[in-house]
C-alpha cells in the first residue's frame, strides 16, 4: 500500500473503508457548489472509490488518488491526487471535509504529494485547474508556489463559469 506520512497526516491508498466518508464529503453543499449536478451524485462517489482502489493496482501506476487521514484521529478526512501525464507533467487536486479546512492540512497533503511526484516519479511540472471563484483552491495553489498560467472562459460547463489553470514552477 502506498503511504506518505507528514507531521499530522497519513496519505495513503483508498480502501473500501473510506467509501462512506468519501461519499459524505461529496454530499456537502459547500463541496458541491462548483460541480454539475450529475457529478454530485452519491453513486458516482461510490464508483470513484472502487475506481481509485483499482487504479492503485495498475503497473505502471499513473494515478495517485489518495485518502488523507488525520494521524491523531486515524480516520479519513479527504483526498489528494496526482495524475501523471505525458511529457513528465501531472495534474493535482485536493479536497478535505469542511471541519478540516482552514488549518493548513490541505497544504500539508498537497505539498507532500507534489514533493513525492518531483522527487520519486520524475515529474517536471504539476498543474491544477480550478474555478476562478474557488478562492480556497487558488490560495492553496499560491501557497504551493504555483503561478497562474491561464484563465479560460466557458472552458467547461460547471455551476460557476470561468476556470483558472495554475502550475508549479519547473
N, C-alpha and C. Protein backbone atom coordinates (compact mmCIF):
# COMPACT_ATOMS: atom_id res chain seq x y z
N UNK A 1 0.85 -1.18 0.00
CA UNK A 1 0.00 0.00 0.00
C UNK A 1 0.89 1.24 0.00
N UNK A 2 0.50 2.21 -0.81
CA UNK A 2 1.23 3.47 -0.90
C UNK A 2 0.92 4.32 0.34
N UNK A 3 1.96 4.86 0.96
CA UNK A 3 1.78 5.69 2.16
C UNK A 3 2.84 6.79 2.18
N UNK A 4 2.39 8.01 2.47
CA UNK A 4 3.27 9.13 2.79
C UNK A 4 2.81 9.64 4.15
N UNK A 5 3.75 9.84 5.06
CA UNK A 5 3.40 10.41 6.36
C UNK A 5 3.99 11.81 6.48
N UNK A 6 3.19 12.72 7.01
CA UNK A 6 3.64 14.07 7.31
C UNK A 6 3.52 14.24 8.83
N UNK A 7 3.75 15.44 9.27
CA UNK A 7 3.65 15.71 10.71
C UNK A 7 2.27 15.34 11.26
N UNK A 8 1.21 15.70 10.53
CA UNK A 8 -0.14 15.49 11.05
C UNK A 8 -0.99 14.51 10.25
N UNK A 9 -0.48 14.04 9.11
CA UNK A 9 -1.31 13.26 8.20
C UNK A 9 -0.68 11.94 7.80
N UNK A 10 -1.55 11.03 7.41
CA UNK A 10 -1.17 9.82 6.68
C UNK A 10 -1.89 9.93 5.34
N UNK A 11 -1.13 9.89 4.27
CA UNK A 11 -1.67 9.97 2.91
C UNK A 11 -1.45 8.59 2.32
N UNK A 12 -2.54 7.93 1.93
CA UNK A 12 -2.44 6.52 1.59
C UNK A 12 -3.46 6.15 0.51
N UNK A 13 -3.27 4.95 -0.04
CA UNK A 13 -4.25 4.44 -0.99
C UNK A 13 -5.61 4.35 -0.32
N UNK A 14 -6.64 4.59 -1.12
CA UNK A 14 -8.01 4.46 -0.60
C UNK A 14 -8.35 2.99 -0.42
N UNK A 15 -9.25 2.75 0.52
CA UNK A 15 -9.78 1.40 0.75
C UNK A 15 -11.30 1.48 0.78
N UNK A 16 -11.92 0.32 0.77
CA UNK A 16 -13.39 0.30 0.86
C UNK A 16 -13.88 0.92 2.16
N UNK A 17 -13.06 0.89 3.20
CA UNK A 17 -13.44 1.50 4.48
C UNK A 17 -13.60 3.02 4.36
N UNK A 18 -13.05 3.62 3.32
CA UNK A 18 -13.13 5.08 3.12
C UNK A 18 -14.41 5.49 2.39
N UNK A 19 -15.10 4.54 1.80
CA UNK A 19 -16.22 4.86 0.92
C UNK A 19 -17.30 5.72 1.59
N UNK A 20 -17.74 5.36 2.77
CA UNK A 20 -18.82 6.10 3.44
C UNK A 20 -18.40 7.55 3.70
N UNK A 21 -17.19 7.74 4.20
CA UNK A 21 -16.71 9.11 4.49
C UNK A 21 -16.49 9.90 3.20
N UNK A 22 -16.01 9.25 2.14
CA UNK A 22 -15.80 9.92 0.85
C UNK A 22 -17.13 10.37 0.26
N UNK A 23 -18.13 9.50 0.33
CA UNK A 23 -19.47 9.87 -0.16
C UNK A 23 -20.02 11.02 0.67
N UNK A 24 -19.87 10.96 1.99
CA UNK A 24 -20.36 12.04 2.86
C UNK A 24 -19.68 13.36 2.51
N UNK A 25 -18.39 13.34 2.29
CA UNK A 25 -17.65 14.55 1.87
C UNK A 25 -18.26 15.13 0.60
N UNK A 26 -18.54 14.26 -0.35
CA UNK A 26 -19.06 14.71 -1.65
C UNK A 26 -20.46 15.28 -1.57
N UNK A 27 -21.19 14.97 -0.53
CA UNK A 27 -22.57 15.43 -0.42
C UNK A 27 -22.71 16.76 0.33
N UNK A 28 -21.61 17.29 0.82
CA UNK A 28 -21.64 18.59 1.48
C UNK A 28 -21.94 19.66 0.43
N UNK A 29 -22.95 20.50 0.65
CA UNK A 29 -23.29 21.53 -0.33
C UNK A 29 -22.11 22.46 -0.66
N UNK A 30 -21.26 22.73 0.31
CA UNK A 30 -20.10 23.58 0.04
C UNK A 30 -19.14 22.89 -0.93
N UNK A 31 -18.97 21.59 -0.80
CA UNK A 31 -18.12 20.81 -1.70
C UNK A 31 -18.73 20.80 -3.11
N UNK A 32 -20.04 20.70 -3.19
CA UNK A 32 -20.74 20.56 -4.46
C UNK A 32 -20.91 21.87 -5.24
N UNK A 33 -20.67 22.98 -4.61
CA UNK A 33 -21.08 24.26 -5.20
C UNK A 33 -20.47 24.58 -6.55
N UNK A 34 -19.37 23.95 -6.93
CA UNK A 34 -18.74 24.24 -8.22
C UNK A 34 -18.92 23.12 -9.24
N UNK A 35 -19.66 22.07 -8.88
CA UNK A 35 -19.78 20.92 -9.75
C UNK A 35 -21.18 20.81 -10.34
N UNK A 36 -21.25 20.22 -11.52
CA UNK A 36 -22.51 19.93 -12.17
C UNK A 36 -23.29 18.93 -11.31
N UNK A 37 -24.61 19.02 -11.35
CA UNK A 37 -25.46 18.15 -10.52
C UNK A 37 -25.14 16.67 -10.73
N UNK A 38 -24.92 16.27 -11.95
CA UNK A 38 -24.64 14.86 -12.25
C UNK A 38 -23.35 14.39 -11.56
N UNK A 39 -22.40 15.28 -11.43
CA UNK A 39 -21.13 14.92 -10.80
C UNK A 39 -21.22 14.88 -9.28
N UNK A 40 -22.37 15.22 -8.72
CA UNK A 40 -22.53 15.27 -7.27
C UNK A 40 -23.32 14.09 -6.71
N UNK A 41 -23.71 13.17 -7.55
CA UNK A 41 -24.50 12.04 -7.09
C UNK A 41 -23.66 11.12 -6.19
N UNK A 42 -24.23 10.69 -5.10
CA UNK A 42 -23.54 9.79 -4.17
C UNK A 42 -23.06 8.53 -4.89
N UNK A 43 -23.85 8.03 -5.81
CA UNK A 43 -23.47 6.81 -6.54
C UNK A 43 -22.17 7.01 -7.32
N UNK A 44 -21.95 8.20 -7.82
CA UNK A 44 -20.71 8.48 -8.55
C UNK A 44 -19.50 8.35 -7.62
N UNK A 45 -19.63 8.80 -6.39
CA UNK A 45 -18.50 8.74 -5.45
C UNK A 45 -18.27 7.32 -4.94
N UNK A 46 -19.32 6.52 -4.90
CA UNK A 46 -19.12 5.10 -4.59
C UNK A 46 -18.34 4.44 -5.72
N UNK A 47 -18.70 4.77 -6.97
CA UNK A 47 -17.97 4.25 -8.13
C UNK A 47 -16.52 4.74 -8.12
N UNK A 48 -16.32 6.00 -7.79
CA UNK A 48 -14.96 6.54 -7.76
C UNK A 48 -14.09 5.84 -6.72
N UNK A 49 -14.67 5.52 -5.58
CA UNK A 49 -13.91 4.80 -4.56
C UNK A 49 -13.36 3.51 -5.14
N UNK A 50 -14.20 2.76 -5.83
CA UNK A 50 -13.77 1.49 -6.42
C UNK A 50 -12.76 1.73 -7.55
N UNK A 51 -12.97 2.77 -8.34
CA UNK A 51 -12.02 3.10 -9.41
C UNK A 51 -10.65 3.44 -8.82
N UNK A 52 -10.62 4.25 -7.78
CA UNK A 52 -9.34 4.64 -7.17
C UNK A 52 -8.61 3.43 -6.59
N UNK A 53 -9.35 2.50 -6.03
CA UNK A 53 -8.74 1.28 -5.50
C UNK A 53 -8.13 0.46 -6.64
N UNK A 54 -8.83 0.36 -7.75
CA UNK A 54 -8.32 -0.39 -8.91
C UNK A 54 -7.12 0.32 -9.54
N UNK A 55 -7.17 1.64 -9.63
CA UNK A 55 -6.05 2.40 -10.22
C UNK A 55 -4.76 2.21 -9.43
N UNK A 56 -4.88 1.99 -8.14
CA UNK A 56 -3.70 1.79 -7.30
C UNK A 56 -2.96 0.51 -7.66
N UNK A 57 -3.62 -0.42 -8.32
CA UNK A 57 -3.02 -1.70 -8.70
C UNK A 57 -2.35 -1.66 -10.07
N UNK A 58 -2.56 -0.58 -10.82
CA UNK A 58 -2.03 -0.51 -12.18
C UNK A 58 -0.51 -0.45 -12.18
N UNK A 59 0.07 -1.09 -13.19
CA UNK A 59 1.52 -1.04 -13.39
C UNK A 59 1.76 -0.73 -14.86
N UNK A 60 2.41 0.37 -15.19
CA UNK A 60 2.89 1.37 -14.25
C UNK A 60 1.73 2.20 -13.72
N UNK A 61 1.92 2.68 -12.55
CA UNK A 61 0.87 3.50 -11.91
C UNK A 61 0.93 4.91 -12.46
N UNK A 62 -0.23 5.43 -12.85
CA UNK A 62 -0.30 6.79 -13.38
C UNK A 62 -1.26 7.68 -12.60
N UNK A 63 -1.96 7.10 -11.64
CA UNK A 63 -2.94 7.87 -10.88
C UNK A 63 -2.78 7.59 -9.38
N UNK A 64 -2.55 8.63 -8.65
CA UNK A 64 -2.42 8.55 -7.19
C UNK A 64 -3.59 9.31 -6.59
N UNK A 65 -4.74 8.65 -6.50
CA UNK A 65 -5.96 9.21 -5.92
C UNK A 65 -5.98 8.70 -4.48
N UNK A 66 -5.56 9.52 -3.56
CA UNK A 66 -5.21 9.04 -2.22
C UNK A 66 -6.13 9.58 -1.13
N UNK A 67 -6.30 8.76 -0.11
CA UNK A 67 -7.04 9.17 1.09
C UNK A 67 -6.11 9.98 1.98
N UNK A 68 -6.67 11.00 2.61
CA UNK A 68 -5.96 11.79 3.61
C UNK A 68 -6.58 11.45 4.95
N UNK A 69 -5.72 11.08 5.89
CA UNK A 69 -6.17 10.63 7.21
C UNK A 69 -5.44 11.45 8.27
N UNK A 70 -6.16 11.88 9.29
CA UNK A 70 -5.54 12.55 10.43
C UNK A 70 -4.80 11.52 11.27
N UNK A 71 -3.55 11.80 11.58
CA UNK A 71 -2.79 10.87 12.41
C UNK A 71 -3.40 10.73 13.80
N UNK A 72 -3.79 11.86 14.40
CA UNK A 72 -4.26 11.79 15.78
C UNK A 72 -5.66 11.17 15.92
N UNK A 73 -6.45 11.19 14.85
CA UNK A 73 -7.80 10.61 14.93
C UNK A 73 -7.91 9.31 14.16
N UNK A 74 -7.01 9.11 13.20
CA UNK A 74 -6.99 7.86 12.46
C UNK A 74 -8.18 7.62 11.55
N UNK A 75 -8.77 8.69 11.01
CA UNK A 75 -9.88 8.48 10.10
C UNK A 75 -9.76 9.36 8.86
N UNK A 76 -10.46 8.97 7.81
CA UNK A 76 -10.49 9.65 6.52
C UNK A 76 -11.03 11.07 6.68
N UNK A 77 -10.29 12.05 6.14
CA UNK A 77 -10.77 13.43 6.18
C UNK A 77 -10.84 14.06 4.80
N UNK A 78 -10.35 13.36 3.78
CA UNK A 78 -10.40 13.93 2.44
C UNK A 78 -9.52 13.18 1.46
N UNK A 79 -9.29 13.83 0.31
CA UNK A 79 -8.49 13.22 -0.74
C UNK A 79 -7.46 14.21 -1.27
N UNK A 80 -6.41 13.66 -1.83
CA UNK A 80 -5.41 14.43 -2.57
C UNK A 80 -5.00 13.54 -3.73
N UNK A 81 -4.77 14.15 -4.89
CA UNK A 81 -4.47 13.30 -6.04
C UNK A 81 -3.40 13.92 -6.93
N UNK A 82 -2.68 13.03 -7.57
CA UNK A 82 -1.67 13.39 -8.56
C UNK A 82 -1.87 12.43 -9.72
N UNK A 83 -2.17 12.98 -10.90
CA UNK A 83 -2.41 12.17 -12.08
C UNK A 83 -1.30 12.44 -13.08
N UNK A 84 -0.50 11.41 -13.37
CA UNK A 84 0.64 11.55 -14.26
C UNK A 84 0.17 11.64 -15.71
N UNK A 85 0.84 12.50 -16.47
CA UNK A 85 0.51 12.70 -17.87
C UNK A 85 1.77 12.59 -18.72
N UNK A 86 1.64 12.82 -19.99
CA UNK A 86 2.79 12.78 -20.89
C UNK A 86 3.74 13.94 -20.59
N UNK A 87 4.95 13.81 -21.09
CA UNK A 87 5.96 14.86 -21.00
C UNK A 87 6.31 15.25 -19.57
N UNK A 88 6.29 14.29 -18.67
CA UNK A 88 6.67 14.49 -17.27
C UNK A 88 5.81 15.55 -16.57
N UNK A 89 4.55 15.62 -16.96
CA UNK A 89 3.62 16.54 -16.33
C UNK A 89 2.62 15.74 -15.49
N UNK A 90 1.98 16.44 -14.57
CA UNK A 90 0.95 15.82 -13.73
C UNK A 90 -0.06 16.89 -13.33
N UNK A 91 -1.28 16.46 -13.12
CA UNK A 91 -2.31 17.35 -12.58
C UNK A 91 -2.55 16.97 -11.13
N UNK A 92 -2.99 17.94 -10.36
CA UNK A 92 -3.16 17.73 -8.93
C UNK A 92 -4.51 18.25 -8.48
N UNK A 93 -5.05 17.63 -7.44
CA UNK A 93 -6.28 18.09 -6.84
C UNK A 93 -6.32 17.72 -5.37
N UNK A 94 -7.23 18.36 -4.64
CA UNK A 94 -7.30 18.13 -3.20
C UNK A 94 -8.70 18.52 -2.71
N UNK A 95 -9.22 17.79 -1.77
CA UNK A 95 -10.50 18.13 -1.16
C UNK A 95 -10.60 17.55 0.24
N UNK A 96 -10.86 18.40 1.20
CA UNK A 96 -11.00 17.94 2.59
C UNK A 96 -12.39 18.24 3.11
N UNK A 97 -12.82 17.44 4.07
CA UNK A 97 -14.09 17.68 4.74
C UNK A 97 -14.07 19.06 5.38
N UNK A 98 -15.21 19.70 5.40
CA UNK A 98 -15.29 21.08 5.86
C UNK A 98 -14.68 21.30 7.24
N UNK A 99 -14.89 20.37 8.16
CA UNK A 99 -14.39 20.56 9.52
C UNK A 99 -12.86 20.49 9.60
N UNK A 100 -12.21 20.09 8.51
CA UNK A 100 -10.75 20.01 8.49
C UNK A 100 -10.12 21.06 7.57
N UNK A 101 -10.91 22.00 7.12
CA UNK A 101 -10.41 23.06 6.25
C UNK A 101 -9.95 24.25 7.10
N UNK A 102 -9.00 24.99 6.57
CA UNK A 102 -8.58 26.23 7.20
C UNK A 102 -7.46 26.11 8.20
N UNK A 103 -6.93 24.91 8.40
CA UNK A 103 -5.83 24.77 9.36
C UNK A 103 -4.55 24.24 8.73
N UNK A 104 -4.45 24.39 7.40
CA UNK A 104 -3.22 24.04 6.71
C UNK A 104 -3.07 22.58 6.33
N UNK A 105 -4.09 21.75 6.57
CA UNK A 105 -3.98 20.34 6.23
C UNK A 105 -3.97 20.10 4.73
N UNK A 106 -4.75 20.89 3.98
CA UNK A 106 -4.74 20.76 2.52
C UNK A 106 -3.35 21.05 1.97
N UNK A 107 -2.75 22.11 2.46
CA UNK A 107 -1.39 22.48 2.03
C UNK A 107 -0.40 21.37 2.40
N UNK A 108 -0.51 20.85 3.59
CA UNK A 108 0.40 19.79 4.05
C UNK A 108 0.27 18.56 3.15
N UNK A 109 -0.96 18.17 2.82
CA UNK A 109 -1.18 17.00 1.97
C UNK A 109 -0.70 17.25 0.54
N UNK A 110 -1.07 18.37 -0.02
CA UNK A 110 -0.70 18.68 -1.40
C UNK A 110 0.81 18.83 -1.56
N UNK A 111 1.44 19.48 -0.61
CA UNK A 111 2.89 19.65 -0.66
C UNK A 111 3.61 18.32 -0.59
N UNK A 112 3.16 17.44 0.30
CA UNK A 112 3.78 16.13 0.44
C UNK A 112 3.66 15.32 -0.85
N UNK A 113 2.49 15.35 -1.48
CA UNK A 113 2.30 14.59 -2.71
C UNK A 113 3.06 15.21 -3.87
N UNK A 114 3.08 16.53 -3.97
CA UNK A 114 3.85 17.20 -5.02
C UNK A 114 5.33 16.89 -4.87
N UNK A 115 5.84 16.96 -3.65
CA UNK A 115 7.24 16.63 -3.40
C UNK A 115 7.54 15.19 -3.83
N UNK A 116 6.63 14.28 -3.52
CA UNK A 116 6.81 12.89 -3.93
C UNK A 116 6.87 12.79 -5.46
N UNK A 117 5.98 13.51 -6.13
CA UNK A 117 5.95 13.50 -7.59
C UNK A 117 7.26 14.00 -8.19
N UNK A 118 7.77 15.10 -7.67
CA UNK A 118 9.02 15.66 -8.18
C UNK A 118 10.21 14.75 -7.86
N UNK A 119 10.28 14.29 -6.64
CA UNK A 119 11.46 13.53 -6.19
C UNK A 119 11.47 12.06 -6.62
N UNK A 120 10.29 11.43 -6.62
CA UNK A 120 10.25 9.99 -6.83
C UNK A 120 9.68 9.55 -8.16
N UNK A 121 8.89 10.39 -8.79
CA UNK A 121 8.23 9.99 -10.02
C UNK A 121 8.80 10.69 -11.25
N UNK A 122 9.74 11.59 -11.05
CA UNK A 122 10.36 12.28 -12.17
C UNK A 122 9.47 13.33 -12.83
N UNK A 123 8.47 13.79 -12.10
CA UNK A 123 7.58 14.83 -12.64
C UNK A 123 8.36 16.14 -12.75
N UNK A 124 8.16 16.83 -13.86
CA UNK A 124 8.84 18.12 -14.10
C UNK A 124 7.91 19.30 -13.82
N UNK A 125 6.61 19.10 -14.04
CA UNK A 125 5.64 20.19 -13.91
C UNK A 125 4.33 19.63 -13.37
N UNK A 126 3.77 20.30 -12.39
CA UNK A 126 2.47 19.93 -11.83
C UNK A 126 1.54 21.12 -12.00
N UNK A 127 0.33 20.83 -12.47
CA UNK A 127 -0.64 21.91 -12.61
C UNK A 127 -1.95 21.53 -11.92
N UNK A 128 -2.74 22.53 -11.66
CA UNK A 128 -4.07 22.34 -11.08
C UNK A 128 -5.04 23.25 -11.82
N UNK A 129 -6.23 22.78 -12.01
CA UNK A 129 -7.28 23.60 -12.60
C UNK A 129 -8.33 23.85 -11.53
N UNK A 130 -8.82 25.07 -11.50
CA UNK A 130 -9.87 25.38 -10.54
C UNK A 130 -10.80 26.43 -11.13
N UNK A 131 -11.92 26.59 -10.51
CA UNK A 131 -12.87 27.62 -10.89
C UNK A 131 -12.37 28.94 -10.32
N UNK A 132 -12.50 29.99 -11.09
CA UNK A 132 -11.97 31.29 -10.66
C UNK A 132 -12.61 31.79 -9.37
N UNK A 133 -13.79 31.29 -9.02
CA UNK A 133 -14.46 31.71 -7.78
C UNK A 133 -14.09 30.83 -6.59
N UNK A 134 -13.28 29.80 -6.82
CA UNK A 134 -12.89 28.89 -5.74
C UNK A 134 -11.63 29.46 -5.07
N UNK A 135 -11.85 30.46 -4.25
CA UNK A 135 -10.73 31.18 -3.63
C UNK A 135 -9.86 30.30 -2.74
N UNK A 136 -10.42 29.35 -1.97
CA UNK A 136 -9.53 28.48 -1.19
C UNK A 136 -8.58 27.66 -2.07
N UNK A 137 -9.06 27.18 -3.21
CA UNK A 137 -8.19 26.41 -4.11
C UNK A 137 -7.10 27.30 -4.70
N UNK A 138 -7.46 28.52 -5.05
CA UNK A 138 -6.48 29.46 -5.58
C UNK A 138 -5.42 29.78 -4.52
N UNK A 139 -5.87 29.98 -3.30
CA UNK A 139 -4.93 30.25 -2.20
C UNK A 139 -3.99 29.06 -1.99
N UNK A 140 -4.52 27.84 -2.09
CA UNK A 140 -3.69 26.65 -1.95
C UNK A 140 -2.66 26.59 -3.07
N UNK A 141 -3.06 26.85 -4.29
CA UNK A 141 -2.12 26.85 -5.42
C UNK A 141 -1.01 27.88 -5.19
N UNK A 142 -1.38 29.05 -4.75
CA UNK A 142 -0.37 30.09 -4.47
C UNK A 142 0.57 29.66 -3.36
N UNK A 143 0.04 29.04 -2.31
CA UNK A 143 0.88 28.58 -1.20
C UNK A 143 1.84 27.48 -1.64
N UNK A 144 1.47 26.73 -2.66
CA UNK A 144 2.34 25.69 -3.20
C UNK A 144 3.41 26.27 -4.13
N UNK A 145 3.34 27.57 -4.38
CA UNK A 145 4.31 28.21 -5.27
C UNK A 145 3.91 28.15 -6.73
N UNK A 146 2.67 27.82 -6.99
CA UNK A 146 2.19 27.77 -8.37
C UNK A 146 1.94 29.18 -8.88
N UNK A 147 1.97 29.31 -10.17
CA UNK A 147 1.67 30.60 -10.79
C UNK A 147 0.47 30.43 -11.72
N UNK A 148 -0.29 31.49 -11.87
CA UNK A 148 -1.44 31.47 -12.76
C UNK A 148 -0.93 31.48 -14.19
N UNK A 149 -1.38 30.49 -14.97
CA UNK A 149 -0.93 30.37 -16.34
C UNK A 149 -1.99 30.77 -17.34
N UNK A 150 -3.23 30.55 -17.00
CA UNK A 150 -4.29 30.82 -17.96
C UNK A 150 -5.60 31.06 -17.24
N UNK A 151 -6.48 31.75 -17.91
CA UNK A 151 -7.84 31.94 -17.43
C UNK A 151 -8.75 31.62 -18.60
N UNK A 152 -9.48 30.51 -18.50
CA UNK A 152 -10.36 30.08 -19.57
C UNK A 152 -11.78 30.53 -19.27
N UNK A 153 -12.45 31.03 -20.28
CA UNK A 153 -13.85 31.41 -20.15
C UNK A 153 -14.69 30.37 -20.86
N UNK A 154 -15.70 29.88 -20.18
CA UNK A 154 -16.61 28.87 -20.70
C UNK A 154 -15.85 27.66 -21.22
N UNK A 155 -14.80 27.28 -20.49
CA UNK A 155 -13.96 26.13 -20.86
C UNK A 155 -14.69 24.82 -20.63
N UNK A 156 -15.38 24.71 -19.52
CA UNK A 156 -16.18 23.54 -19.17
C UNK A 156 -17.46 24.04 -18.54
N UNK A 157 -18.53 23.25 -18.67
CA UNK A 157 -19.76 23.66 -18.03
C UNK A 157 -19.72 23.24 -16.57
N UNK A 158 -19.73 24.20 -15.71
CA UNK A 158 -19.78 23.97 -14.27
C UNK A 158 -20.75 24.98 -13.68
N UNK A 159 -21.07 24.81 -12.42
CA UNK A 159 -22.01 25.73 -11.79
C UNK A 159 -21.52 27.17 -11.82
N UNK A 160 -20.23 27.36 -11.64
CA UNK A 160 -19.64 28.69 -11.65
C UNK A 160 -18.77 28.80 -12.90
N UNK A 161 -19.09 29.73 -13.76
CA UNK A 161 -18.34 29.85 -15.02
C UNK A 161 -16.93 30.38 -14.77
N UNK A 162 -16.07 30.03 -15.68
CA UNK A 162 -14.69 30.53 -15.62
C UNK A 162 -13.78 29.57 -14.92
N UNK A 163 -12.66 29.30 -15.51
CA UNK A 163 -11.68 28.40 -14.91
C UNK A 163 -10.30 28.99 -14.96
N UNK A 164 -9.48 28.60 -14.06
CA UNK A 164 -8.12 29.11 -13.98
C UNK A 164 -7.17 27.93 -13.88
N UNK A 165 -6.07 28.00 -14.62
CA UNK A 165 -5.09 26.93 -14.53
C UNK A 165 -3.86 27.46 -13.83
N UNK A 166 -3.39 26.68 -12.87
CA UNK A 166 -2.20 27.02 -12.10
C UNK A 166 -1.16 25.94 -12.32
N UNK A 167 0.10 26.31 -12.36
CA UNK A 167 1.13 25.29 -12.47
C UNK A 167 2.28 25.62 -11.54
N UNK A 168 2.97 24.58 -11.17
CA UNK A 168 4.12 24.74 -10.28
C UNK A 168 5.32 25.18 -11.11
N UNK A 169 6.24 25.88 -10.48
CA UNK A 169 7.46 26.24 -11.20
C UNK A 169 8.22 24.97 -11.56
N UNK A 170 8.85 24.98 -12.71
CA UNK A 170 9.60 23.80 -13.17
C UNK A 170 10.89 23.66 -12.40
